Amino acid sequence: MSVLLEFAIFPTDKDESISPYVSKVIQMIRESGASYQLTAMGTIIETETLPEALALVQQSYDVLEPDCDRVYSSLKFDIRKGKSKCLTQKIKSVESIIGEVHK
């Protein structure tokens, strides 16, 4: 199974720049070993199960909670049985039709 989670999580009670807090979350995701892709508007991760994806959301909050009084998060899921590596395969599928997508 492939569980793609696109999410954003950040404090709303800090300065205009939140990159120090986002960096803490990305470091935790990197250390978890999950496949991920950072984008300008959020992060996409791929896990094999929904509980693994939800655990990363919880861990992301746990990273921010000590320094933040208010945290905002939005989540979108694409859960597909019988598939894996959807994080990269979806892009390859589009590129097979229109050519390389600029990154």
PDB file of N, CA and C in Angstrom:
ATOM      1  N   MET A   1       0.855  -1.181   0.000  1.00  0.00           N
ATOM      2  CA  MET A   1       0.000   0.000   0.000  1.00  0.00           C
ATOM      3  C   MET A   1       0.894   1.235   0.000  1.00  0.00           C
ATOM      4  N   SER A   2       0.417   2.267  -0.632  1.00  0.00           N
ATOM      5  CA  SER A   2       1.105   3.550  -0.632  1.00  0.00           C
ATOM      6  C   SER A   2       0.205   4.584   0.034  1.00  0.00           C
ATOM      7  N   VAL A   3       0.743   5.268   1.028  1.00  0.00           N
ATOM      8  CA  VAL A   3       0.033   6.368   1.664  1.00  0.00           C
ATOM      9  C   VAL A   3       0.830   7.631   1.384  1.00  0.00           C
ATOM     10  N   LEU A   4       0.283   8.475   0.521  1.00  0.00           N
ATOM     11  CA  LEU A   4       0.883   9.777   0.275  1.00  0.00           C
ATOM     12  C   LEU A   4       0.175  10.783   1.160  1.00  0.00           C
ATOM     13  N   LEU A   5       0.955  11.558   1.879  1.00  0.00           N
ATOM     14  CA  LEU A   5       0.423  12.607   2.742  1.00  0.00           C
ATOM     15  C   LEU A   5       1.086  13.914   2.348  1.00  0.00           C
ATOM     16  N   GLU A   6       0.283  14.863   1.942  1.00  0.00           N
ATOM     17  CA  GLU A   6       0.788  16.218   1.719  1.00  0.00           C
ATOM     18  C   GLU A   6       0.303  17.046   2.905  1.00  0.00           C
ATOM     19  N   PHE A   7       1.256  17.624   3.621  1.00  0.00           N
ATOM     20  CA  PHE A   7       0.837  18.397   4.782  1.00  0.00           C
ATOM     21  C   PHE A   7       1.739  19.599   5.012  1.00  0.00           C
ATOM     22  N   ALA A   8       1.154  20.541   5.732  1.00  0.00           N
ATOM     23  CA  ALA A   8       1.889  21.713   6.198  1.00  0.00           C
ATOM     24  C   ALA A   8       1.625  21.809   7.689  1.00  0.00           C
ATOM     25  N   ILE A   9       2.660  22.125   8.441  1.00  0.00           N
ATOM     26  CA  ILE A   9       2.520  22.314   9.879  1.00  0.00           C
ATOM     27  C   ILE A   9       3.506  23.393  10.290  1.00  0.00           C
ATOM     28  N   PHE A  10       2.996  24.394  11.004  1.00  0.00           N
ATOM     29  CA  PHE A  10       3.858  25.510  11.398  1.00  0.00           C
ATOM     30  C   PHE A  10       3.201  26.306  12.522  1.00  0.00           C
ATOM     31  N   PRO A  11       4.020  27.012  13.291  1.00  0.00           N
ATOM     32  CA  PRO A  11       3.472  27.839  14.365  1.00  0.00           C
ATOM     33  C   PRO A  11       2.847  29.114  13.802  1.00  0.00           C
ATOM     34  N   THR A  12       1.810  29.584  14.463  1.00  0.00           N
ATOM     35  CA  THR A  12       1.194  30.850  14.063  1.00  0.00           C
ATOM     36  C   THR A  12       1.475  31.960  15.075  1.00  0.00           C
ATOM     37  N   ASP A  13       2.237  31.645  16.094  1.00  0.00           N
ATOM     38  CA  ASP A  13       2.520  32.644  17.131  1.00  0.00           C
ATOM     39  C   ASP A  13       3.975  33.114  17.103  1.00  0.00           C
ATOM     40  N   LYS A  14       4.610  33.012  15.938  1.00  0.00           N
ATOM     41  CA  LYS A  14       6.020  33.391  15.809  1.00  0.00           C
ATOM     42  C   LYS A  14       6.172  34.503  14.779  1.00  0.00           C
ATOM     43  N   ASP A  15       7.408  34.896  14.542  1.00  0.00           N
ATOM     44  CA  ASP A  15       7.702  35.933  13.563  1.00  0.00           C
ATOM     45  C   ASP A  15       7.227  35.532  12.175  1.00  0.00           C
ATOM     46  N   GLU A  16       7.370  36.466  11.245  1.00  0.00           N
ATOM     47  CA  GLU A  16       6.951  36.233   9.862  1.00  0.00           C
ATOM     48  C   GLU A  16       7.659  35.035   9.243  1.00  0.00           C
ATOM     49  N   SER A  17       8.950  34.864   9.506  1.00  0.00           N
ATOM     50  CA  SER A  17       9.699  33.736   8.960  1.00  0.00           C
ATOM     51  C   SER A  17       9.571  32.531   9.885  1.00  0.00           C
ATOM     52  N   ILE A  18       9.072  31.441   9.323  1.00  0.00           N
ATOM     53  CA  ILE A  18       8.893  30.218  10.120  1.00  0.00           C
ATOM     54  C   ILE A  18       9.852  29.116   9.700  1.00  0.00           C
ATOM     55  N   SER A  19      10.808  29.447   8.830  1.00  0.00           N
ATOM     56  CA  SER A  19      11.724  28.416   8.333  1.00  0.00           C
ATOM     57  C   SER A  19      12.506  27.706   9.439  1.00  0.00           C
ATOM     58  N   PRO A  20      12.881  28.360  10.548  1.00  0.00           N
ATOM     59  CA  PRO A  20      13.563  27.597  11.601  1.00  0.00           C
ATOM     60  C   PRO A  20      12.689  26.470  12.172  1.00  0.00           C
ATOM     61  N   TYR A  21      11.392  26.681  12.228  1.00  0.00           N
ATOM     62  CA  TYR A  21      10.486  25.678  12.774  1.00  0.00           C
ATOM     63  C   TYR A  21      10.202  24.581  11.741  1.00  0.00           C
ATOM     64  N   VAL A  22      10.003  24.974  10.505  1.00  0.00           N
ATOM     65  CA  VAL A  22       9.809  23.995   9.435  1.00  0.00           C
ATOM     66  C   VAL A  22      11.050  23.120   9.310  1.00  0.00           C
ATOM     67  N   SER A  23      12.225  23.715   9.458  1.00  0.00           N
ATOM     68  CA  SER A  23      13.479  22.956   9.371  1.00  0.00           C
ATOM     69  C   SER A  23      13.550  21.860  10.424  1.00  0.00           C
ATOM     70  N   LYS A  24      13.059  22.138  11.623  1.00  0.00           N
ATOM     71  CA  LYS A  24      13.042  21.121  12.678  1.00  0.00           C
ATOM     72  C   LYS A  24      12.159  19.936  12.274  1.00  0.00           C
ATOM     73  N   VAL A  25      11.011  20.229  11.669  1.00  0.00           N
ATOM     74  CA  VAL A  25      10.098  19.170  11.240  1.00  0.00           C
ATOM     75  C   VAL A  25      10.730  18.351  10.113  1.00  0.00           C
ATOM     76  N   ILE A  26      11.331  19.030   9.143  1.00  0.00           N
ATOM     77  CA  ILE A  26      11.953  18.326   8.018  1.00  0.00           C
ATOM     78  C   ILE A  26      13.106  17.455   8.499  1.00  0.00           C
ATOM     79  N   GLN A  27      13.882  17.942   9.438  1.00  0.00           N
ATOM     80  CA  GLN A  27      14.975  17.138   9.998  1.00  0.00           C
ATOM     81  C   GLN A  27      14.445  15.857  10.628  1.00  0.00           C
ATOM     82  N   MET A  28      13.334  15.969  11.358  1.00  0.00           N
ATOM     83  CA  MET A  28      12.729  14.790  11.979  1.00  0.00           C
ATOM     84  C   MET A  28      12.249  13.803  10.911  1.00  0.00           C
ATOM     85  N   ILE A  29      11.614  14.314   9.852  1.00  0.00           N
ATOM     86  CA  ILE A  29      11.132  13.440   8.775  1.00  0.00           C
ATOM     87  C   ILE A  29      12.318  12.760   8.098  1.00  0.00           C
ATOM     88  N   ARG A  30      13.368  13.515   7.837  1.00  0.00           N
ATOM     89  CA  ARG A  30      14.581  12.945   7.213  1.00  0.00           C
ATOM     90  C   ARG A  30      15.130  11.808   8.070  1.00  0.00           C
ATOM     91  N   GLU A  31      15.206  12.036   9.365  1.00  0.00           N
ATOM     92  CA  GLU A  31      15.752  11.023  10.279  1.00  0.00           C
ATOM     93  C   GLU A  31      14.836   9.803  10.404  1.00  0.00           C
ATOM     94  N   SER A  32      13.544   9.975  10.089  1.00  0.00           N
ATOM     95  CA  SER A  32      12.606   8.848  10.187  1.00  0.00           C
ATOM     96  C   SER A  32      12.846   7.816   9.084  1.00  0.00           C
ATOM     97  N   GLY A  33      13.469   8.244   7.991  1.00  0.00           N
ATOM     98  CA  GLY A  33      13.695   7.345   6.868  1.00  0.00           C
ATOM     99  C   GLY A  33      12.571   7.313   5.856  1.00  0.00           C
ATOM    100  N   ALA A  34      11.496   8.047   6.106  1.00  0.00           N
ATOM    101  CA  ALA A  34      10.382   8.087   5.156  1.00  0.00           C
ATOM    102  C   ALA A  34      10.799   8.844   3.901  1.00  0.00           C
ATOM    103  N   SER A  35      10.247   8.433   2.769  1.00  0.00           N
ATOM    104  CA  SER A  35      10.459   9.182   1.535  1.00  0.00           C
ATOM    105  C   SER A  35       9.678  10.484   1.647  1.00  0.00           C
ATOM    106  N   TYR A  36      10.301  11.588   1.254  1.00  0.00           N
ATOM    107  CA  TYR A  36       9.615  12.867   1.366  1.00  0.00           C
ATOM    108  C   TYR A  36      10.091  13.820   0.282  1.00  0.00           C
ATOM    109  N   GLN A  37       9.273  14.836   0.047  1.00  0.00           N
ATOM    110  CA  GLN A  37       9.618  15.901  -0.891  1.00  0.00           C
ATOM    111  C   GLN A  37       9.129  17.207  -0.284  1.00  0.00           C
ATOM    112  N   LEU A  38      10.046  18.118  -0.036  1.00  0.00           N
ATOM    113  CA  LEU A  38       9.712  19.440   0.467  1.00  0.00           C
ATOM    114  C   LEU A  38       9.288  20.312  -0.701  1.00  0.00           C
ATOM    115  N   THR A  39       8.181  21.017  -0.560  1.00  0.00           N
ATOM    116  CA  THR A  39       7.736  21.969  -1.570  1.00  0.00           C
ATOM    117  C   THR A  39       7.591  23.338  -0.908  1.00  0.00           C
ATOM    118  N   ALA A  40       7.344  24.349  -1.706  1.00  0.00           N
ATOM    119  CA  ALA A  40       7.202  25.701  -1.170  1.00  0.00           C
ATOM    120  C   ALA A  40       5.960  25.842  -0.292  1.00  0.00           C
ATOM    121  N   MET A  41       4.985  24.970  -0.471  1.00  0.00           N
ATOM    122  CA  MET A  41       3.726  25.090   0.259  1.00  0.00           C
ATOM    123  C   MET A  41       3.480  23.973   1.270  1.00  0.00           C
ATOM    124  N   GLY A  42       4.405  23.037   1.394  1.00  0.00           N
ATOM    125  CA  GLY A  42       4.221  21.936   2.323  1.00  0.00           C
ATOM    126  C   GLY A  42       5.210  20.828   2.041  1.00  0.00           C
ATOM    127  N   THR A  43       4.939  19.692   2.611  1.00  0.00           N
ATOM    128  CA  THR A  43       5.818  18.536   2.459  1.00  0.00           C
ATOM    129  C   THR A  43       4.959  17.336   2.079  1.00  0.00           C
ATOM    130  N   ILE A  44       5.484  16.517   1.178  1.00  0.00           N
ATOM    131  CA  ILE A  44       4.808  15.283   0.790  1.00  0.00           C
ATOM    132  C   ILE A  44       5.647  14.130   1.329  1.00  0.00           C
ATOM    133  N   ILE A  45       5.015  13.207   2.028  1.00  0.00           N
ATOM    134  CA  ILE A  45       5.709  12.011   2.513  1.00  0.00           C
ATOM    135  C   ILE A  45       4.968  10.789   1.997  1.00  0.00           C
ATOM    136  N   GLU A  46       5.700   9.687   1.898  1.00  0.00           N
ATOM    137  CA  GLU A  46       5.082   8.411   1.519  1.00  0.00           C
ATOM    138  C   GLU A  46       5.447   7.373   2.562  1.00  0.00           C
ATOM    139  N   THR A  47       4.426   6.692   3.047  1.00  0.00           N
ATOM    140  CA  THR A  47       4.615   5.592   3.988  1.00  0.00           C
ATOM    141  C   THR A  47       3.844   4.386   3.463  1.00  0.00           C
ATOM    142  N   GLU A  48       4.027   3.249   4.103  1.00  0.00           N
ATOM    143  CA  GLU A  48       3.327   2.028   3.689  1.00  0.00           C
ATOM    144  C   GLU A  48       1.965   1.880   4.357  1.00  0.00           C
ATOM    145  N   THR A  49       1.763   2.579   5.486  1.00  0.00           N
ATOM    146  CA  THR A  49       0.491   2.458   6.198  1.00  0.00           C
ATOM    147  C   THR A  49       0.027   3.826   6.682  1.00  0.00           C
ATOM    148  N   LEU A  50      -1.269   3.934   6.898  1.00  0.00           N
ATOM    149  CA  LEU A  50      -1.842   5.159   7.447  1.00  0.00           C
ATOM    150  C   LEU A  50      -1.319   5.446   8.858  1.00  0.00           C
ATOM    151  N   PRO A  51      -1.224   4.452   9.744  1.00  0.00           N
ATOM    152  CA  PRO A  51      -0.681   4.739  11.074  1.00  0.00           C
ATOM    153  C   PRO A  51       0.738   5.327  11.035  1.00  0.00           C
ATOM    154  N   GLU A  52       1.564   4.885  10.077  1.00  0.00           N
ATOM    155  CA  GLU A  52       2.917   5.453   9.962  1.00  0.00           C
ATOM    156  C   GLU A  52       2.848   6.929   9.570  1.00  0.00           C
ATOM    157  N   ALA A  53       1.967   7.264   8.645  1.00  0.00           N
ATOM    158  CA  ALA A  53       1.821   8.662   8.232  1.00  0.00           C
ATOM    159  C   ALA A  53       1.304   9.513   9.388  1.00  0.00           C
ATOM    160  N   LEU A  54       0.312   9.014  10.089  1.00  0.00           N
ATOM    161  CA  LEU A  54      -0.243   9.760  11.213  1.00  0.00           C
ATOM    162  C   LEU A  54       0.774   9.913  12.342  1.00  0.00           C
ATOM    163  N   ALA A  55       1.624   8.922  12.531  1.00  0.00           N
ATOM    164  CA  ALA A  55       2.675   9.016  13.544  1.00  0.00           C
ATOM    165  C   ALA A  55       3.648  10.151  13.202  1.00  0.00           C
ATOM    166  N   LEU A  56       3.942  10.331  11.919  1.00  0.00           N
ATOM    167  CA  LEU A  56       4.826  11.432  11.518  1.00  0.00           C
ATOM    168  C   LEU A  56       4.170  12.794  11.748  1.00  0.00           C
ATOM    169  N   VAL A  57       2.859  12.859  11.581  1.00  0.00           N
ATOM    170  CA  VAL A  57       2.148  14.103  11.903  1.00  0.00           C
ATOM    171  C   VAL A  57       2.263  14.382  13.397  1.00  0.00           C
ATOM    172  N   GLN A  58       2.047  13.361  14.215  1.00  0.00           N
ATOM    173  CA  GLN A  58       2.163  13.525  15.671  1.00  0.00           C
ATOM    174  C   GLN A  58       3.582  13.946  16.059  1.00  0.00           C
ATOM    175  N   GLN A  59       4.575  13.293  15.466  1.00  0.00           N
ATOM    176  CA  GLN A  59       5.969  13.633  15.765  1.00  0.00           C
ATOM    177  C   GLN A  59       6.301  15.054  15.318  1.00  0.00           C
ATOM    178  N   SER A  60       5.695  15.491  14.224  1.00  0.00           N
ATOM    179  CA  SER A  60       5.910  16.863  13.757  1.00  0.00           C
ATOM    180  C   SER A  60       5.379  17.855  14.786  1.00  0.00           C
ATOM    181  N   TYR A  61       4.200  17.580  15.306  1.00  0.00           N
ATOM    182  CA  TYR A  61       3.643  18.436  16.358  1.00  0.00           C
ATOM    183  C   TYR A  61       4.532  18.389  17.597  1.00  0.00           C
ATOM    184  N   ASP A  62       5.000  17.202  17.958  1.00  0.00           N
ATOM    185  CA  ASP A  62       5.846  17.057  19.143  1.00  0.00           C
ATOM    186  C   ASP A  62       7.129  17.879  19.028  1.00  0.00           C
ATOM    187  N   VAL A  63       7.652  18.015  17.817  1.00  0.00           N
ATOM    188  CA  VAL A  63       8.859  18.810  17.583  1.00  0.00           C
ATOM    189  C   VAL A  63       8.579  20.295  17.831  1.00  0.00           C
ATOM    190  N   LEU A  64       7.409  20.756  17.440  1.00  0.00           N
ATOM    191  CA  LEU A  64       7.069  22.172  17.550  1.00  0.00           C
ATOM    192  C   LEU A  64       6.518  22.572  18.918  1.00  0.00           C
ATOM    193  N   GLU A  65       5.822  21.679  19.551  1.00  0.00           N
ATOM    194  CA  GLU A  65       5.074  21.977  20.770  1.00  0.00           C
ATOM    195  C   GLU A  65       5.884  22.654  21.878  1.00  0.00           C
ATOM    196  N   PRO A  66       7.128  22.258  22.150  1.00  0.00           N
ATOM    197  CA  PRO A  66       7.854  22.911  23.251  1.00  0.00           C
ATOM    198  C   PRO A  66       8.061  24.418  23.070  1.00  0.00           C
ATOM    199  N   ASP A  67       8.168  24.878  21.832  1.00  0.00           N
ATOM    200  CA  ASP A  67       8.465  26.287  21.567  1.00  0.00           C
ATOM    201  C   ASP A  67       7.272  27.071  21.035  1.00  0.00           C
ATOM    202  N   CYS A  68       6.146  26.423  20.833  1.00  0.00           N
ATOM    203  CA  CYS A  68       5.026  27.078  20.156  1.00  0.00           C
ATOM    204  C   CYS A  68       3.743  26.919  20.963  1.00  0.00           C
ATOM    205  N   ASP A  69       2.998  28.014  21.077  1.00  0.00           N
ATOM    206  CA  ASP A  69       1.717  27.974  21.782  1.00  0.00           C
ATOM    207  C   ASP A  69       0.548  27.715  20.842  1.00  0.00           C
ATOM    208  N   ARG A  70       0.771  27.944  19.543  1.00  0.00           N
ATOM    209  CA  ARG A  70      -0.295  27.710  18.567  1.00  0.00           C
ATOM    210  C   ARG A  70       0.322  27.152  17.295  1.00  0.00           C
ATOM    211  N   VAL A  71      -0.211  26.016  16.827  1.00  0.00           N
ATOM    212  CA  VAL A  71       0.315  25.337  15.643  1.00  0.00           C
ATOM    213  C   VAL A  71      -0.838  25.094  14.671  1.00  0.00           C
ATOM    214  N   TYR A  72      -0.612  25.436  13.400  1.00  0.00           N
ATOM    215  CA  TYR A  72      -1.585  25.216  12.331  1.00  0.00           C
ATOM    216  C   TYR A  72      -1.116  24.035  11.490  1.00  0.00           C
ATOM    217  N   SER A  73      -2.072  23.237  11.021  1.00  0.00           N
ATOM    218  CA  SER A  73      -1.715  22.126  10.145  1.00  0.00           C
ATOM    219  C   SER A  73      -2.854  21.852   9.171  1.00  0.00           C
ATOM    220  N   SER A  74      -2.484  21.478   7.956  1.00  0.00           N
ATOM    221  CA  SER A  74      -3.456  21.001   6.977  1.00  0.00           C
ATOM    222  C   SER A  74      -2.906  19.708   6.398  1.00  0.00           C
ATOM    223  N   LEU A  75      -3.806  18.757   6.112  1.00  0.00           N
ATOM    224  CA  LEU A  75      -3.393  17.440   5.636  1.00  0.00           C
ATOM    225  C   LEU A  75      -4.270  16.976   4.479  1.00  0.00           C
ATOM    226  N   LYS A  76      -3.632  16.325   3.491  1.00  0.00           N
ATOM    227  CA  LYS A  76      -4.338  15.655   2.395  1.00  0.00           C
ATOM    228  C   LYS A  76      -3.711  14.279   2.225  1.00  0.00           C
ATOM    229  N   PHE A  77      -4.542  13.268   2.021  1.00  0.00           N
ATOM    230  CA  PHE A  77      -4.074  11.898   1.848  1.00  0.00           C
ATOM    231  C   PHE A  77      -4.465  11.344   0.487  1.00  0.00           C
ATOM    232  N   ASP A  78      -3.607  10.489  -0.061  1.00  0.00           N
ATOM    233  CA  ASP A  78      -3.921   9.653  -1.222  1.00  0.00           C
ATOM    234  C   ASP A  78      -3.472   8.247  -0.841  1.00  0.00           C
ATOM    235  N   ILE A  79      -4.421   7.388  -0.550  1.00  0.00           N
ATOM    236  CA  ILE A  79      -4.133   6.042  -0.058  1.00  0.00           C
ATOM    237  C   ILE A  79      -4.502   5.055  -1.160  1.00  0.00           C
ATOM    238  N   ARG A  80      -3.510   4.258  -1.564  1.00  0.00           N
ATOM    239  CA  ARG A  80      -3.731   3.363  -2.703  1.00  0.00           C
ATOM    240  C   ARG A  80      -3.219   1.963  -2.383  1.00  0.00           C
ATOM    241  N   LYS A  81      -4.107   1.007  -2.426  1.00  0.00           N
ATOM    242  CA  LYS A  81      -3.741  -0.390  -2.177  1.00  0.00           C
ATOM    243  C   LYS A  81      -3.004  -0.947  -3.382  1.00  0.00           C
ATOM    244  N   GLY A  82      -2.073  -1.848  -3.123  1.00  0.00           N
ATOM    245  CA  GLY A  82      -1.387  -2.563  -4.189  1.00  0.00           C
ATOM    246  C   GLY A  82      -0.349  -1.754  -4.940  1.00  0.00           C
ATOM    247  N   LYS A  83      -0.001  -0.595  -4.450  1.00  0.00           N
ATOM    248  CA  LYS A  83       0.991   0.248  -5.117  1.00  0.00           C
ATOM    249  C   LYS A  83       2.061   0.655  -4.113  1.00  0.00           C
ATOM    250  N   SER A  84       3.217   1.053  -4.653  1.00  0.00           N
ATOM    251  CA  SER A  84       4.289   1.618  -3.837  1.00  0.00           C
ATOM    252  C   SER A  84       5.056   2.606  -4.695  1.00  0.00           C
ATOM    253  N   LYS A  85       5.891   3.380  -4.066  1.00  0.00           N
ATOM    254  CA  LYS A  85       6.726   4.377  -4.765  1.00  0.00           C
ATOM    255  C   LYS A  85       5.883   5.387  -5.555  1.00  0.00           C
ATOM    256  N   CYS A  86       4.705   5.699  -5.060  1.00  0.00           N
ATOM    257  CA  CYS A  86       3.832   6.636  -5.768  1.00  0.00           C
ATOM    258  C   CYS A  86       4.390   8.058  -5.754  1.00  0.00           C
ATOM    259  N   LEU A  87       5.194   8.387  -4.780  1.00  0.00           N
ATOM    260  CA  LEU A  87       5.779   9.725  -4.703  1.00  0.00           C
ATOM    261  C   LEU A  87       6.566  10.041  -5.964  1.00  0.00           C
ATOM    262  N   THR A  88       7.293   9.066  -6.478  1.00  0.00           N
ATOM    263  CA  THR A  88       8.070   9.286  -7.700  1.00  0.00           C
ATOM    264  C   THR A  88       7.329   8.818  -8.948  1.00  0.00           C
ATOM    265  N   GLN A  89       6.525   7.780  -8.836  1.00  0.00           N
ATOM    266  CA  GLN A  89       5.840   7.225 -10.004  1.00  0.00           C
ATOM    267  C   GLN A  89       4.827   8.194 -10.611  1.00  0.00           C
ATOM    268  N   LYS A  90       4.157   8.975  -9.786  1.00  0.00           N
ATOM    269  CA  LYS A  90       3.179   9.925 -10.314  1.00  0.00           C
ATOM    270  C   LYS A  90       3.861  10.954 -11.208  1.00  0.00           C
ATOM    271  N   ILE A  91       5.013  11.407 -10.800  1.00  0.00           N
ATOM    272  CA  ILE A  91       5.765  12.382 -11.592  1.00  0.00           C
ATOM    273  C   ILE A  91       6.263  11.737 -12.878  1.00  0.00           C
ATOM    274  N   LYS A  92       6.803  10.519 -12.771  1.00  0.00           N
ATOM    275  CA  LYS A  92       7.291   9.822 -13.964  1.00  0.00           C
ATOM    276  C   LYS A  92       6.178   9.575 -14.964  1.00  0.00           C
ATOM    277  N   SER A  93       4.985   9.310 -14.493  1.00  0.00           N
ATOM    278  CA  SER A  93       3.855   9.073 -15.377  1.00  0.00           C
ATOM    279  C   SER A  93       3.536  10.320 -16.202  1.00  0.00           C
ATOM    280  N   VAL A  94       3.537  11.473 -15.568  1.00  0.00           N
ATOM    281  CA  VAL A  94       3.287  12.728 -16.289  1.00  0.00           C
ATOM    282  C   VAL A  94       4.437  13.020 -17.247  1.00  0.00           C
ATOM    283  N   GLU A  95       5.676  12.803 -16.782  1.00  0.00           N
ATOM    284  CA  GLU A  95       6.841  13.069 -17.635  1.00  0.00           C
ATOM    285  C   GLU A  95       6.871  12.154 -18.843  1.00  0.00           C
ATOM    286  N   SER A  96       6.308  10.954 -18.742  1.00  0.00           N
ATOM    287  CA  SER A  96       6.276  10.062 -19.899  1.00  0.00           C
ATOM    288  C   SER A  96       5.363  10.604 -21.001  1.00  0.00           C
ATOM    289  N   ILE A  97       4.486  11.491 -20.625  1.00  0.00           N
ATOM    290  CA  ILE A  97       3.558  12.083 -21.591  1.00  0.00           C
ATOM    291  C   ILE A  97       4.079  13.422 -22.121  1.00  0.00           C
ATOM    292  N   ILE A  98       4.616  14.287 -21.228  1.00  0.00           N
ATOM    293  CA  ILE A  98       4.986  15.643 -21.660  1.00  0.00           C
ATOM    294  C   ILE A  98       6.477  15.948 -21.576  1.00  0.00           C
ATOM    295  N   GLY A  99       7.275  14.984 -21.122  1.00  0.00           N
ATOM    296  CA  GLY A  99       8.705  15.242 -20.969  1.00  0.00           C
ATOM    297  C   GLY A  99       9.017  15.714 -19.562  1.00  0.00           C
ATOM    298  N   GLU A 100      10.295  15.968 -19.338  1.00  0.00           N
ATOM    299  CA  GLU A 100      10.755  16.325 -17.993  1.00  0.00           C
ATOM    300  C   GLU A 100      10.043  17.548 -17.449  1.00  0.00           C
ATOM    301  N   VAL A 101       9.642  17.430 -16.187  1.00  0.00           N
ATOM    302  CA  VAL A 101       9.015  18.541 -15.484  1.00  0.00           C
ATOM    303  C   VAL A 101      10.123  19.282 -14.736  1.00  0.00           C
ATOM    304  N   HIS A 102      10.175  20.572 -14.915  1.00  0.00           N
ATOM    305  CA  HIS A 102      11.223  21.365 -14.257  1.00  0.00           C
ATOM    306  C   HIS A 102      11.010  21.359 -12.756  1.00  0.00           C
ATOM    307  N   LYS A 103      12.118  21.228 -12.057  1.00  0.00           N
ATOM    308  CA  LYS A 103      12.050  21.166 -10.602  1.00  0.00           C
ATOM    309  C   LYS A 103      12.582  22.419  -9.985  1.00  0.00           C
TER     310      LYS A 103
END
